[in-house]
Amino acid sequence: MEETYNTEAIILDRIAFREADLKLVVFSQDKGKLELVARGARKLKSRLAAHIEPLTLSKLMVIRSRNEYDLLGTSWGNDFFSSIKDDLGRLTQAGRALKLVNNLSRPGEEEGEKVFFLLKSFLDFLKKEKEADLDLLYGFFALKLLTLIGFAPNLQTCVSCDIKAERGGNFFDLGQGGIICKKCCLQEKESVLKVSDDCLKVLKFSLGNDFGKLSNLKINKELNKEISEKISSFLKYNFYC
Protein backbone atom coordinates (compact mmCIF):
# COMPACT_ATOMS: atom_id res chain seq x y z
CA MET A 1 0.00 0.00 0.00
CA GLU A 2 1.37 3.43 -0.92
CA GLU A 3 2.22 5.72 1.97
CA THR A 4 0.46 9.09 1.93
CA TYR A 5 0.37 12.24 3.99
CA ASN A 6 -1.89 15.30 4.15
CA THR A 7 -0.80 18.90 4.40
CA GLU A 8 -2.05 22.42 3.80
CA ALA A 9 0.10 24.46 1.44
CA ILE A 10 0.34 27.65 -0.56
CA ILE A 11 1.12 27.02 -4.22
CA LEU A 12 4.23 29.02 -5.13
CA ASP A 13 4.79 27.94 -8.72
CA ARG A 14 4.00 25.28 -11.29
CA ILE A 15 5.72 24.35 -14.53
CA ALA A 16 5.09 21.92 -17.35
CA PHE A 17 6.64 18.53 -16.66
CA ARG A 18 6.85 15.64 -19.07
CA GLU A 19 4.00 15.22 -21.54
CA ALA A 20 0.90 15.91 -19.46
CA ASP A 21 2.15 16.51 -15.91
CA LEU A 22 2.90 19.58 -13.80
CA LYS A 23 5.71 20.05 -11.31
CA LEU A 24 4.52 22.04 -8.34
CA VAL A 25 6.50 24.08 -5.85
CA VAL A 26 4.47 24.56 -2.68
CA PHE A 27 5.11 25.79 0.83
CA SER A 28 3.32 23.70 3.41
CA GLN A 29 2.43 24.41 7.00
CA ASP A 30 4.09 21.37 8.54
CA LYS A 31 6.68 20.25 5.97
CA GLY A 32 8.04 23.50 4.57
CA LYS A 33 8.91 23.71 0.91
CA LEU A 34 7.92 20.73 -1.25
CA GLU A 35 8.34 19.87 -4.91
CA LEU A 36 5.60 17.57 -6.19
CA VAL A 37 4.45 16.09 -9.48
CA ALA A 38 0.78 16.28 -10.42
CA ARG A 39 0.23 13.55 -12.99
CA GLY A 40 -2.08 14.41 -15.85
CA ALA A 41 -2.74 17.90 -14.50
CA ARG A 42 -2.15 19.52 -17.91
CA LYS A 43 -4.98 17.56 -19.51
CA LEU A 44 -8.12 19.58 -20.27
CA LYS A 45 -10.30 17.30 -18.16
CA SER A 46 -8.03 17.38 -15.12
CA ARG A 47 -9.89 18.09 -11.89
CA LEU A 48 -6.70 19.14 -10.15
CA ALA A 49 -5.78 22.11 -12.31
CA ALA A 50 -8.02 24.74 -10.71
CA HIS A 51 -6.85 23.79 -7.20
CA ILE A 52 -3.11 23.98 -7.88
CA GLU A 53 -2.77 27.40 -9.49
CA PRO A 54 -0.07 29.64 -8.00
CA LEU A 55 -1.45 31.84 -5.23
CA THR A 56 -3.88 29.23 -3.91
CA LEU A 57 -4.11 27.82 -0.41
CA SER A 58 -4.95 24.14 -0.82
CA LYS A 59 -5.28 20.99 1.20
CA LEU A 60 -3.10 18.33 -0.40
CA MET A 61 -2.94 14.57 -0.18
CA VAL A 62 0.53 13.50 -1.22
CA ILE A 63 1.79 10.05 -2.20
CA ARG A 64 5.37 9.26 -1.23
CA SER A 65 7.48 8.10 -4.13
CA ARG A 66 10.81 6.34 -4.50
CA ASN A 67 11.57 8.65 -7.40
CA GLU A 68 12.87 12.21 -7.20
CA TYR A 69 9.49 13.81 -6.49
CA ASP A 70 6.50 12.79 -4.40
CA LEU A 71 3.18 12.69 -6.25
CA LEU A 72 0.12 14.83 -5.69
CA GLY A 73 -2.87 12.58 -5.06
CA THR A 74 -5.67 15.07 -4.48
CA SER A 75 -5.97 18.80 -3.92
CA TRP A 76 -8.78 20.98 -2.62
CA GLY A 77 -8.49 24.77 -2.72
CA ASN A 78 -9.42 26.48 0.55
CA ASP A 79 -8.63 30.04 -0.53
CA PHE A 80 -8.07 31.22 -4.10
CA PHE A 81 -7.26 34.81 -3.05
CA SER A 82 -9.65 36.09 -5.71
CA SER A 83 -9.61 39.69 -4.46
CA ILE A 84 -5.82 39.74 -4.90
CA LYS A 85 -5.95 38.21 -8.37
CA ASP A 86 -8.53 40.80 -9.45
CA ASP A 87 -6.28 43.73 -8.50
CA LEU A 88 -3.04 44.25 -10.43
CA GLY A 89 -1.29 46.14 -7.63
CA ARG A 90 -2.00 43.53 -4.98
CA LEU A 91 -1.32 40.68 -7.41
CA THR A 92 2.11 42.15 -8.19
CA GLN A 93 3.13 42.25 -4.52
CA ALA A 94 1.71 38.77 -3.86
CA GLY A 95 3.69 37.43 -6.80
CA ARG A 96 6.87 39.04 -5.47
CA ALA A 97 6.28 37.40 -2.08
CA LEU A 98 5.73 33.94 -3.61
CA LYS A 99 8.87 34.30 -5.71
CA LEU A 100 10.96 35.46 -2.75
CA VAL A 101 9.87 32.53 -0.57
CA ASN A 102 10.60 30.17 -3.47
CA ASN A 103 14.05 31.65 -4.08
CA LEU A 104 15.17 31.85 -0.46
CA SER A 105 13.82 28.57 0.91
CA ARG A 106 15.02 25.00 0.51
CA PRO A 107 13.15 21.73 1.10
CA GLY A 108 13.58 20.41 4.62
CA GLU A 109 14.75 23.64 6.25
CA GLU A 110 13.77 24.60 9.80
CA GLU A 111 11.37 27.47 10.51
CA GLY A 112 9.03 26.18 7.80
CA GLU A 113 5.89 26.63 9.88
CA LYS A 114 6.80 30.23 10.75
CA VAL A 115 7.52 31.03 7.11
CA PHE A 116 4.19 29.51 6.09
CA PHE A 117 2.23 31.65 8.55
CA LEU A 118 4.21 34.77 7.63
CA LEU A 119 3.35 34.29 3.96
CA LYS A 120 -0.27 33.47 4.75
CA SER A 121 -0.65 36.52 7.01
CA PHE A 122 0.80 38.74 4.28
CA LEU A 123 -1.61 37.35 1.68
CA ASP A 124 -4.55 37.59 4.09
CA PHE A 125 -3.67 41.24 4.69
CA LEU A 126 -3.43 41.94 0.97
CA LYS A 127 -6.90 40.42 0.50
CA LYS A 128 -8.60 43.08 2.60
CA GLU A 129 -6.23 46.04 2.68
CA LYS A 130 -6.96 48.82 0.20
CA GLU A 131 -5.28 51.92 1.61
CA ALA A 132 -1.76 50.80 2.60
CA ASP A 133 1.37 51.32 0.53
CA LEU A 134 1.69 47.84 -0.92
CA ASP A 135 5.26 48.19 -2.12
CA LEU A 136 6.40 49.22 1.35
CA LEU A 137 4.47 46.36 2.95
CA TYR A 138 6.22 43.92 0.63
CA GLY A 139 9.52 45.35 1.86
CA PHE A 140 8.46 44.68 5.46
CA PHE A 141 7.46 41.14 4.47
CA ALA A 142 10.88 40.58 2.90
CA LEU A 143 12.65 41.82 6.02
CA LYS A 144 10.57 39.57 8.25
CA LEU A 145 11.27 36.59 5.98
CA LEU A 146 15.02 37.24 6.08
CA THR A 147 14.83 37.32 9.88
CA LEU A 148 13.05 33.95 10.05
CA ILE A 149 15.58 32.20 7.82
CA GLY A 150 18.59 33.69 9.58
CA PHE A 151 19.70 36.35 7.09
CA ALA A 152 18.37 39.53 8.67
CA PRO A 153 20.61 42.60 8.50
CA ASN A 154 22.09 43.72 11.81
CA LEU A 155 20.16 46.85 12.75
CA GLN A 156 21.19 47.13 16.40
CA THR A 157 24.98 47.46 16.52
CA CYS A 158 27.79 48.43 14.17
CA VAL A 159 28.89 45.39 12.19
CA SER A 160 32.51 46.52 12.55
CA CYS A 161 32.95 47.61 16.18
CA ASP A 162 29.81 46.03 17.68
CA ILE A 163 28.88 49.24 19.50
CA LYS A 164 25.18 50.12 19.67
CA ALA A 165 24.18 52.39 16.82
CA GLU A 166 23.75 55.99 17.97
CA ARG A 167 21.67 58.68 16.33
CA GLY A 168 23.20 60.49 13.38
CA GLY A 169 25.71 59.55 10.73
CA ASN A 170 25.07 55.82 10.38
CA PHE A 171 25.51 53.85 7.19
CA PHE A 172 24.09 50.59 5.83
CA ASP A 173 26.81 48.22 4.65
CA LEU A 174 25.25 45.78 2.17
CA GLY A 175 28.34 43.58 2.04
CA GLN A 176 28.76 43.19 5.80
CA GLY A 177 25.02 42.90 6.29
CA GLY A 178 24.07 45.73 8.60
CA ILE A 179 24.66 49.10 10.19
CA ILE A 180 28.12 50.59 10.29
CA CYS A 181 28.85 53.69 12.38
CA LYS A 182 30.49 56.83 11.03
CA LYS A 183 33.71 56.09 12.94
CA CYS A 184 34.12 52.71 11.22
CA CYS A 185 32.99 53.86 7.78
CA LEU A 186 36.40 55.06 6.57
CA GLN A 187 35.99 54.74 2.82
CA GLU A 188 33.31 55.24 0.23
CA LYS A 189 31.95 52.10 -1.42
CA GLU A 190 29.00 51.43 -3.69
CA SER A 191 27.89 48.83 -1.17
CA VAL A 192 27.74 51.37 1.68
CA LEU A 193 24.62 53.53 1.83
CA LYS A 194 23.83 56.39 4.17
CA VAL A 195 20.82 55.63 6.36
CA SER A 196 18.69 58.15 8.24
CA ASP A 197 17.70 57.73 11.87
CA ASP A 198 14.01 57.58 10.92
CA CYS A 199 14.65 54.85 8.36
CA LEU A 200 16.58 52.78 10.89
CA LYS A 201 13.82 53.29 13.46
CA VAL A 202 11.10 52.07 11.09
CA LEU A 203 13.15 49.05 9.97
CA LYS A 204 13.58 47.99 13.61
CA PHE A 205 9.88 48.60 14.32
CA SER A 206 8.83 46.44 11.36
CA LEU A 207 10.44 43.32 12.80
CA GLY A 208 8.33 43.24 15.94
CA ASN A 209 4.94 44.30 14.63
CA ASP A 210 2.24 42.84 12.39
CA PHE A 211 1.16 44.15 9.00
CA GLY A 212 -1.85 45.91 10.48
CA LYS A 213 0.27 48.11 12.72
CA LEU A 214 2.81 48.66 9.96
CA SER A 215 0.12 49.81 7.54
CA ASN A 216 -0.94 52.50 10.02
CA LEU A 217 2.49 54.13 10.16
CA LYS A 218 2.51 57.73 8.94
CA ILE A 219 5.50 57.81 6.60
CA ASN A 220 6.24 60.60 4.14
CA LYS A 221 7.20 59.89 0.55
CA GLU A 222 10.90 60.56 1.07
CA LEU A 223 11.19 58.16 4.01
CA ASN A 224 8.99 55.62 2.23
CA LYS A 225 11.37 55.66 -0.73
CA GLU A 226 14.45 55.33 1.49
CA ILE A 227 13.06 52.33 3.37
CA SER A 228 12.07 50.52 0.17
CA GLU A 229 15.44 51.25 -1.43
CA LYS A 230 17.42 49.94 1.55
CA ILE A 231 15.51 46.65 1.64
CA SER A 232 15.59 46.25 -2.13
CA SER A 233 19.34 46.97 -2.28
CA PHE A 234 20.05 44.43 0.47
CA LEU A 235 18.07 41.73 -1.37
CA LYS A 236 19.72 42.45 -4.72
CA TYR A 237 23.24 42.63 -3.32
CA ASN A 238 23.08 39.45 -1.21
CA PHE A 239 20.46 37.27 -2.88
CA TYR A 240 20.09 38.63 -6.44
CA CYS A 241 16.34 39.05 -5.77
C-alpha atoms as a PDB file:
ATOM      1  CA  MET A   1       0.000   0.000   0.000  1.00  0.00           C
ATOM      2  CA  GLU A   2       1.370   3.428  -0.920  1.00  0.00           C
ATOM      3  CA  GLU A   3       2.215   5.715   1.968  1.00  0.00           C
ATOM      4  CA  THR A   4       0.461   9.087   1.925  1.00  0.00           C
ATOM      5  CA  TYR A   5       0.371  12.244   3.987  1.00  0.00           C
ATOM      6  CA  ASN A   6      -1.893  15.297   4.154  1.00  0.00           C
ATOM      7  CA  THR A   7      -0.800  18.897   4.401  1.00  0.00           C
ATOM      8  CA  GLU A   8      -2.049  22.422   3.803  1.00  0.00           C
ATOM      9  CA  ALA A   9       0.100  24.456   1.444  1.00  0.00           C
ATOM     10  CA  ILE A  10       0.345  27.655  -0.559  1.00  0.00           C
ATOM     11  CA  ILE A  11       1.118  27.020  -4.218  1.00  0.00           C
ATOM     12  CA  LEU A  12       4.230  29.018  -5.127  1.00  0.00           C
ATOM     13  CA  ASP A  13       4.786  27.942  -8.716  1.00  0.00           C
ATOM     14  CA  ARG A  14       4.003  25.280 -11.288  1.00  0.00           C
ATOM     15  CA  ILE A  15       5.721  24.351 -14.526  1.00  0.00           C
ATOM     16  CA  ALA A  16       5.087  21.922 -17.351  1.00  0.00           C
ATOM     17  CA  PHE A  17       6.645  18.526 -16.659  1.00  0.00           C
ATOM     18  CA  ARG A  18       6.853  15.637 -19.071  1.00  0.00           C
ATOM     19  CA  GLU A  19       3.998  15.215 -21.541  1.00  0.00           C
ATOM     20  CA  ALA A  20       0.900  15.907 -19.459  1.00  0.00           C
ATOM     21  CA  ASP A  21       2.151  16.513 -15.909  1.00  0.00           C
ATOM     22  CA  LEU A  22       2.897  19.578 -13.802  1.00  0.00           C
ATOM     23  CA  LYS A  23       5.712  20.046 -11.315  1.00  0.00           C
ATOM     24  CA  LEU A  24       4.517  22.043  -8.336  1.00  0.00           C
ATOM     25  CA  VAL A  25       6.497  24.081  -5.853  1.00  0.00           C
ATOM     26  CA  VAL A  26       4.467  24.560  -2.677  1.00  0.00           C
ATOM     27  CA  PHE A  27       5.115  25.788   0.829  1.00  0.00           C
ATOM     28  CA  SER A  28       3.317  23.700   3.409  1.00  0.00           C
ATOM     29  CA  GLN A  29       2.428  24.406   7.004  1.00  0.00           C
ATOM     30  CA  ASP A  30       4.094  21.368   8.541  1.00  0.00           C
ATOM     31  CA  LYS A  31       6.683  20.252   5.969  1.00  0.00           C
ATOM     32  CA  GLY A  32       8.036  23.501   4.570  1.00  0.00           C
ATOM     33  CA  LYS A  33       8.914  23.705   0.908  1.00  0.00           C
ATOM     34  CA  LEU A  34       7.925  20.729  -1.251  1.00  0.00           C
ATOM     35  CA  GLU A  35       8.339  19.869  -4.908  1.00  0.00           C
ATOM     36  CA  LEU A  36       5.603  17.571  -6.191  1.00  0.00           C
ATOM     37  CA  VAL A  37       4.452  16.092  -9.477  1.00  0.00           C
ATOM     38  CA  ALA A  38       0.783  16.282 -10.417  1.00  0.00           C
ATOM     39  CA  ARG A  39       0.233  13.551 -12.994  1.00  0.00           C
ATOM     40  CA  GLY A  40      -2.083  14.405 -15.851  1.00  0.00           C
ATOM     41  CA  ALA A  41      -2.743  17.901 -14.500  1.00  0.00           C
ATOM     42  CA  ARG A  42      -2.153  19.520 -17.907  1.00  0.00           C
ATOM     43  CA  LYS A  43      -4.982  17.560 -19.509  1.00  0.00           C
ATOM     44  CA  LEU A  44      -8.118  19.578 -20.268  1.00  0.00           C
ATOM     45  CA  LYS A  45     -10.300  17.298 -18.163  1.00  0.00           C
ATOM     46  CA  SER A  46      -8.030  17.377 -15.118  1.00  0.00           C
ATOM     47  CA  ARG A  47      -9.889  18.093 -11.887  1.00  0.00           C
ATOM     48  CA  LEU A  48      -6.695  19.136 -10.152  1.00  0.00           C
ATOM     49  CA  ALA A  49      -5.778  22.106 -12.314  1.00  0.00           C
ATOM     50  CA  ALA A  50      -8.016  24.742 -10.709  1.00  0.00           C
ATOM     51  CA  HIS A  51      -6.852  23.787  -7.196  1.00  0.00           C
ATOM     52  CA  ILE A  52      -3.110  23.985  -7.881  1.00  0.00           C
ATOM     53  CA  GLU A  53      -2.774  27.396  -9.491  1.00  0.00           C
ATOM     54  CA  PRO A  54      -0.075  29.640  -7.995  1.00  0.00           C
ATOM     55  CA  LEU A  55      -1.454  31.842  -5.234  1.00  0.00           C
ATOM     56  CA  THR A  56      -3.877  29.232  -3.912  1.00  0.00           C
ATOM     57  CA  LEU A  57      -4.113  27.819  -0.406  1.00  0.00           C
ATOM     58  CA  SER A  58      -4.945  24.140  -0.819  1.00  0.00           C
ATOM     59  CA  LYS A  59      -5.280  20.985   1.196  1.00  0.00           C
ATOM     60  CA  LEU A  60      -3.101  18.329  -0.404  1.00  0.00           C
ATOM     61  CA  MET A  61      -2.942  14.569  -0.177  1.00  0.00           C
ATOM     62  CA  VAL A  62       0.534  13.499  -1.220  1.00  0.00           C
ATOM     63  CA  ILE A  63       1.788  10.055  -2.203  1.00  0.00           C
ATOM     64  CA  ARG A  64       5.365   9.265  -1.229  1.00  0.00           C
ATOM     65  CA  SER A  65       7.480   8.101  -4.125  1.00  0.00           C
ATOM     66  CA  ARG A  66      10.815   6.345  -4.496  1.00  0.00           C
ATOM     67  CA  ASN A  67      11.572   8.652  -7.396  1.00  0.00           C
ATOM     68  CA  GLU A  68      12.871  12.209  -7.195  1.00  0.00           C
ATOM     69  CA  TYR A  69       9.488  13.812  -6.495  1.00  0.00           C
ATOM     70  CA  ASP A  70       6.505  12.795  -4.404  1.00  0.00           C
ATOM     71  CA  LEU A  71       3.185  12.690  -6.248  1.00  0.00           C
ATOM     72  CA  LEU A  72       0.122  14.827  -5.694  1.00  0.00           C
ATOM     73  CA  GLY A  73      -2.866  12.584  -5.065  1.00  0.00           C
ATOM     74  CA  THR A  74      -5.672  15.072  -4.482  1.00  0.00           C
ATOM     75  CA  SER A  75      -5.975  18.804  -3.917  1.00  0.00           C
ATOM     76  CA  TRP A  76      -8.776  20.983  -2.622  1.00  0.00           C
ATOM     77  CA  GLY A  77      -8.488  24.769  -2.720  1.00  0.00           C
ATOM     78  CA  ASN A  78      -9.425  26.484   0.547  1.00  0.00           C
ATOM     79  CA  ASP A  79      -8.631  30.036  -0.534  1.00  0.00           C
ATOM     80  CA  PHE A  80      -8.067  31.220  -4.100  1.00  0.00           C
ATOM     81  CA  PHE A  81      -7.260  34.812  -3.052  1.00  0.00           C
ATOM     82  CA  SER A  82      -9.651  36.095  -5.707  1.00  0.00           C
ATOM     83  CA  SER A  83      -9.610  39.686  -4.465  1.00  0.00           C
ATOM     84  CA  ILE A  84      -5.821  39.741  -4.903  1.00  0.00           C
ATOM     85  CA  LYS A  85      -5.951  38.206  -8.375  1.00  0.00           C
ATOM     86  CA  ASP A  86      -8.526  40.799  -9.451  1.00  0.00           C
ATOM     87  CA  ASP A  87      -6.281  43.727  -8.499  1.00  0.00           C
ATOM     88  CA  LEU A  88      -3.037  44.250 -10.428  1.00  0.00           C
ATOM     89  CA  GLY A  89      -1.293  46.139  -7.629  1.00  0.00           C
ATOM     90  CA  ARG A  90      -1.996  43.532  -4.982  1.00  0.00           C
ATOM     91  CA  LEU A  91      -1.319  40.683  -7.411  1.00  0.00           C
ATOM     92  CA  THR A  92       2.111  42.151  -8.186  1.00  0.00           C
ATOM     93  CA  GLN A  93       3.125  42.245  -4.516  1.00  0.00           C
ATOM     94  CA  ALA A  94       1.714  38.775  -3.857  1.00  0.00           C
ATOM     95  CA  GLY A  95       3.690  37.434  -6.801  1.00  0.00           C
ATOM     96  CA  ARG A  96       6.866  39.036  -5.475  1.00  0.00           C
ATOM     97  CA  ALA A  97       6.278  37.405  -2.083  1.00  0.00           C
ATOM     98  CA  LEU A  98       5.733  33.944  -3.609  1.00  0.00           C
ATOM     99  CA  LYS A  99       8.871  34.300  -5.708  1.00  0.00           C
ATOM    100  CA  LEU A 100      10.958  35.456  -2.755  1.00  0.00           C
ATOM    101  CA  VAL A 101       9.873  32.525  -0.574  1.00  0.00           C
ATOM    102  CA  ASN A 102      10.597  30.167  -3.472  1.00  0.00           C
ATOM    103  CA  ASN A 103      14.054  31.650  -4.082  1.00  0.00           C
ATOM    104  CA  LEU A 104      15.170  31.849  -0.456  1.00  0.00           C
ATOM    105  CA  SER A 105      13.817  28.574   0.911  1.00  0.00           C
ATOM    106  CA  ARG A 106      15.016  25.004   0.509  1.00  0.00           C
ATOM    107  CA  PRO A 107      13.152  21.734   1.103  1.00  0.00           C
ATOM    108  CA  GLY A 108      13.577  20.408   4.623  1.00  0.00           C
ATOM    109  CA  GLU A 109      14.753  23.641   6.249  1.00  0.00           C
ATOM    110  CA  GLU A 110      13.766  24.598   9.797  1.00  0.00           C
ATOM    111  CA  GLU A 111      11.367  27.466  10.509  1.00  0.00           C
ATOM    112  CA  GLY A 112       9.028  26.180   7.805  1.00  0.00           C
ATOM    113  CA  GLU A 113       5.890  26.632   9.882  1.00  0.00           C
ATOM    114  CA  LYS A 114       6.797  30.230  10.754  1.00  0.00           C
ATOM    115  CA  VAL A 115       7.516  31.029   7.109  1.00  0.00           C
ATOM    116  CA  PHE A 116       4.186  29.513   6.086  1.00  0.00           C
ATOM    117  CA  PHE A 117       2.228  31.654   8.548  1.00  0.00           C
ATOM    118  CA  LEU A 118       4.206  34.768   7.635  1.00  0.00           C
ATOM    119  CA  LEU A 119       3.350  34.286   3.957  1.00  0.00           C
ATOM    120  CA  LYS A 120      -0.271  33.470   4.754  1.00  0.00           C
ATOM    121  CA  SER A 121      -0.651  36.518   7.005  1.00  0.00           C
ATOM    122  CA  PHE A 122       0.803  38.742   4.276  1.00  0.00           C
ATOM    123  CA  LEU A 123      -1.609  37.346   1.682  1.00  0.00           C
ATOM    124  CA  ASP A 124      -4.546  37.595   4.089  1.00  0.00           C
ATOM    125  CA  PHE A 125      -3.672  41.242   4.692  1.00  0.00           C
ATOM    126  CA  LEU A 126      -3.429  41.939   0.965  1.00  0.00           C
ATOM    127  CA  LYS A 127      -6.902  40.423   0.499  1.00  0.00           C
ATOM    128  CA  LYS A 128      -8.601  43.076   2.601  1.00  0.00           C
ATOM    129  CA  GLU A 129      -6.231  46.044   2.685  1.00  0.00           C
ATOM    130  CA  LYS A 130      -6.961  48.816   0.198  1.00  0.00           C
ATOM    131  CA  GLU A 131      -5.285  51.916   1.610  1.00  0.00           C
ATOM    132  CA  ALA A 132      -1.758  50.798   2.604  1.00  0.00           C
ATOM    133  CA  ASP A 133       1.370  51.325   0.534  1.00  0.00           C
ATOM    134  CA  LEU A 134       1.686  47.836  -0.915  1.00  0.00           C
ATOM    135  CA  ASP A 135       5.259  48.191  -2.122  1.00  0.00           C
ATOM    136  CA  LEU A 136       6.397  49.220   1.353  1.00  0.00           C
ATOM    137  CA  LEU A 137       4.466  46.360   2.954  1.00  0.00           C
ATOM    138  CA  TYR A 138       6.216  43.924   0.627  1.00  0.00           C
ATOM    139  CA  GLY A 139       9.516  45.354   1.861  1.00  0.00           C
ATOM    140  CA  PHE A 140       8.464  44.683   5.462  1.00  0.00           C
ATOM    141  CA  PHE A 141       7.455  41.144   4.471  1.00  0.00           C
ATOM    142  CA  ALA A 142      10.881  40.576   2.899  1.00  0.00           C
ATOM    143  CA  LEU A 143      12.653  41.824   6.020  1.00  0.00           C
ATOM    144  CA  LYS A 144      10.567  39.569   8.251  1.00  0.00           C
ATOM    145  CA  LEU A 145      11.274  36.589   5.979  1.00  0.00           C
ATOM    146  CA  LEU A 146      15.020  37.240   6.080  1.00  0.00           C
ATOM    147  CA  THR A 147      14.830  37.320   9.883  1.00  0.00           C
ATOM    148  CA  LEU A 148      13.046  33.951  10.045  1.00  0.00           C
ATOM    149  CA  ILE A 149      15.579  32.197   7.817  1.00  0.00           C
ATOM    150  CA  GLY A 150      18.592  33.686   9.578  1.00  0.00           C
ATOM    151  CA  PHE A 151      19.703  36.350   7.092  1.00  0.00           C
ATOM    152  CA  ALA A 152      18.369  39.530   8.668  1.00  0.00           C
ATOM    153  CA  PRO A 153      20.613  42.597   8.500  1.00  0.00           C
ATOM    154  CA  ASN A 154      22.094  43.720  11.810  1.00  0.00           C
ATOM    155  CA  LEU A 155      20.159  46.853  12.750  1.00  0.00           C
ATOM    156  CA  GLN A 156      21.192  47.127  16.403  1.00  0.00           C
ATOM    157  CA  THR A 157      24.981  47.457  16.521  1.00  0.00           C
ATOM    158  CA  CYS A 158      27.787  48.433  14.170  1.00  0.00           C
ATOM    159  CA  VAL A 159      28.894  45.388  12.188  1.00  0.00           C
ATOM    160  CA  SER A 160      32.505  46.521  12.555  1.00  0.00           C
ATOM    161  CA  CYS A 161      32.951  47.610  16.183  1.00  0.00           C
ATOM    162  CA  ASP A 162      29.809  46.030  17.683  1.00  0.00           C
ATOM    163  CA  ILE A 163      28.882  49.237  19.502  1.00  0.00           C
ATOM    164  CA  LYS A 164      25.182  50.123  19.668  1.00  0.00           C
ATOM    165  CA  ALA A 165      24.179  52.391  16.819  1.00  0.00           C
ATOM    166  CA  GLU A 166      23.747  55.985  17.967  1.00  0.00           C
ATOM    167  CA  ARG A 167      21.672  58.683  16.330  1.00  0.00           C
ATOM    168  CA  GLY A 168      23.198  60.493  13.380  1.00  0.00           C
ATOM    169  CA  GLY A 169      25.707  59.549  10.729  1.00  0.00           C
ATOM    170  CA  ASN A 170      25.066  55.820  10.379  1.00  0.00           C
ATOM    171  CA  PHE A 171      25.506  53.852   7.187  1.00  0.00           C
ATOM    172  CA  PHE A 172      24.089  50.595   5.834  1.00  0.00           C
ATOM    173  CA  ASP A 173      26.812  48.219   4.647  1.00  0.00           C
ATOM    174  CA  LEU A 174      25.249  45.776   2.171  1.00  0.00           C
ATOM    175  CA  GLY A 175      28.336  43.577   2.040  1.00  0.00           C
ATOM    176  CA  GLN A 176      28.757  43.194   5.797  1.00  0.00           C
ATOM    177  CA  GLY A 177      25.018  42.899   6.288  1.00  0.00           C
ATOM    178  CA  GLY A 178      24.068  45.725   8.595  1.00  0.00           C
ATOM    179  CA  ILE A 179      24.657  49.103  10.187  1.00  0.00           C
ATOM    180  CA  ILE A 180      28.122  50.593  10.290  1.00  0.00           C
ATOM    181  CA  CYS A 181      28.850  53.689  12.376  1.00  0.00           C
ATOM    182  CA  LYS A 182      30.486  56.833  11.027  1.00  0.00           C
ATOM    183  CA  LYS A 183      33.714  56.088  12.941  1.00  0.00           C
ATOM    184  CA  CYS A 184      34.118  52.712  11.217  1.00  0.00           C
ATOM    185  CA  CYS A 185      32.993  53.858   7.782  1.00  0.00           C
ATOM    186  CA  LEU A 186      36.396  55.062   6.566  1.00  0.00           C
ATOM    187  CA  GLN A 187      35.988  54.742   2.822  1.00  0.00           C
ATOM    188  CA  GLU A 188      33.307  55.239   0.233  1.00  0.00           C
ATOM    189  CA  LYS A 189      31.952  52.099  -1.423  1.00  0.00           C
ATOM    190  CA  GLU A 190      28.996  51.433  -3.692  1.00  0.00           C
ATOM    191  CA  SER A 191      27.888  48.830  -1.165  1.00  0.00           C
ATOM    192  CA  VAL A 192      27.743  51.374   1.680  1.00  0.00           C
ATOM    193  CA  LEU A 193      24.619  53.530   1.827  1.00  0.00           C
ATOM    194  CA  LYS A 194      23.826  56.390   4.169  1.00  0.00           C
ATOM    195  CA  VAL A 195      20.823  55.627   6.359  1.00  0.00           C
ATOM    196  CA  SER A 196      18.687  58.151   8.237  1.00  0.00           C
ATOM    197  CA  ASP A 197      17.704  57.730  11.867  1.00  0.00           C
ATOM    198  CA  ASP A 198      14.009  57.580  10.915  1.00  0.00           C
ATOM    199  CA  CYS A 199      14.654  54.847   8.363  1.00  0.00           C
ATOM    200  CA  LEU A 200      16.584  52.783  10.888  1.00  0.00           C
ATOM    201  CA  LYS A 201      13.823  53.288  13.456  1.00  0.00           C
ATOM    202  CA  VAL A 202      11.103  52.065  11.089  1.00  0.00           C
ATOM    203  CA  LEU A 203      13.151  49.046   9.972  1.00  0.00           C
ATOM    204  CA  LYS A 204      13.578  47.987  13.611  1.00  0.00           C
ATOM    205  CA  PHE A 205       9.883  48.597  14.324  1.00  0.00           C
ATOM    206  CA  SER A 206       8.831  46.440  11.362  1.00  0.00           C
ATOM    207  CA  LEU A 207      10.441  43.317  12.798  1.00  0.00           C
ATOM    208  CA  GLY A 208       8.332  43.241  15.941  1.00  0.00           C
ATOM    209  CA  ASN A 209       4.938  44.301  14.630  1.00  0.00           C
ATOM    210  CA  ASP A 210       2.242  42.842  12.394  1.00  0.00           C
ATOM    211  CA  PHE A 211       1.161  44.147   9.001  1.00  0.00           C
ATOM    212  CA  GLY A 212      -1.854  45.908  10.483  1.00  0.00           C
ATOM    213  CA  LYS A 213       0.274  48.109  12.721  1.00  0.00           C
ATOM    214  CA  LEU A 214       2.812  48.664   9.961  1.00  0.00           C
ATOM    215  CA  SER A 215       0.119  49.813   7.539  1.00  0.00           C
ATOM    216  CA  ASN A 216      -0.941  52.496  10.024  1.00  0.00           C
ATOM    217  CA  LEU A 217       2.486  54.127  10.163  1.00  0.00           C
ATOM    218  CA  LYS A 218       2.510  57.727   8.938  1.00  0.00           C
ATOM    219  CA  ILE A 219       5.502  57.815   6.597  1.00  0.00           C
ATOM    220  CA  ASN A 220       6.238  60.603   4.142  1.00  0.00           C
ATOM    221  CA  LYS A 221       7.201  59.888   0.551  1.00  0.00           C
ATOM    222  CA  GLU A 222      10.905  60.562   1.070  1.00  0.00           C
ATOM    223  CA  LEU A 223      11.187  58.162   4.013  1.00  0.00           C
ATOM    224  CA  ASN A 224       8.993  55.615   2.227  1.00  0.00           C
ATOM    225  CA  LYS A 225      11.374  55.661  -0.731  1.00  0.00           C
ATOM    226  CA  GLU A 226      14.452  55.329   1.489  1.00  0.00           C
ATOM    227  CA  ILE A 227      13.064  52.326   3.369  1.00  0.00           C
ATOM    228  CA  SER A 228      12.071  50.522   0.174  1.00  0.00           C
ATOM    229  CA  GLU A 229      15.441  51.248  -1.431  1.00  0.00           C
ATOM    230  CA  LYS A 230      17.422  49.940   1.546  1.00  0.00           C
ATOM    231  CA  ILE A 231      15.512  46.650   1.638  1.00  0.00           C
ATOM    232  CA  SER A 232      15.589  46.252  -2.132  1.00  0.00           C
ATOM    233  CA  SER A 233      19.340  46.971  -2.280  1.00  0.00           C
ATOM    234  CA  PHE A 234      20.046  44.426   0.470  1.00  0.00           C
ATOM    235  CA  LEU A 235      18.069  41.731  -1.368  1.00  0.00           C
ATOM    236  CA  LYS A 236      19.717  42.447  -4.716  1.00  0.00           C
ATOM    237  CA  TYR A 237      23.241  42.626  -3.325  1.00  0.00           C
ATOM    238  CA  ASN A 238      23.079  39.453  -1.212  1.00  0.00           C
ATOM    239  CA  PHE A 239      20.455  37.273  -2.881  1.00  0.00           C
ATOM    240  CA  TYR A 240      20.089  38.625  -6.444  1.00  0.00           C
ATOM    241  CA  CYS A 241      16.342  39.049  -5.768  1.00  0.00           C
END
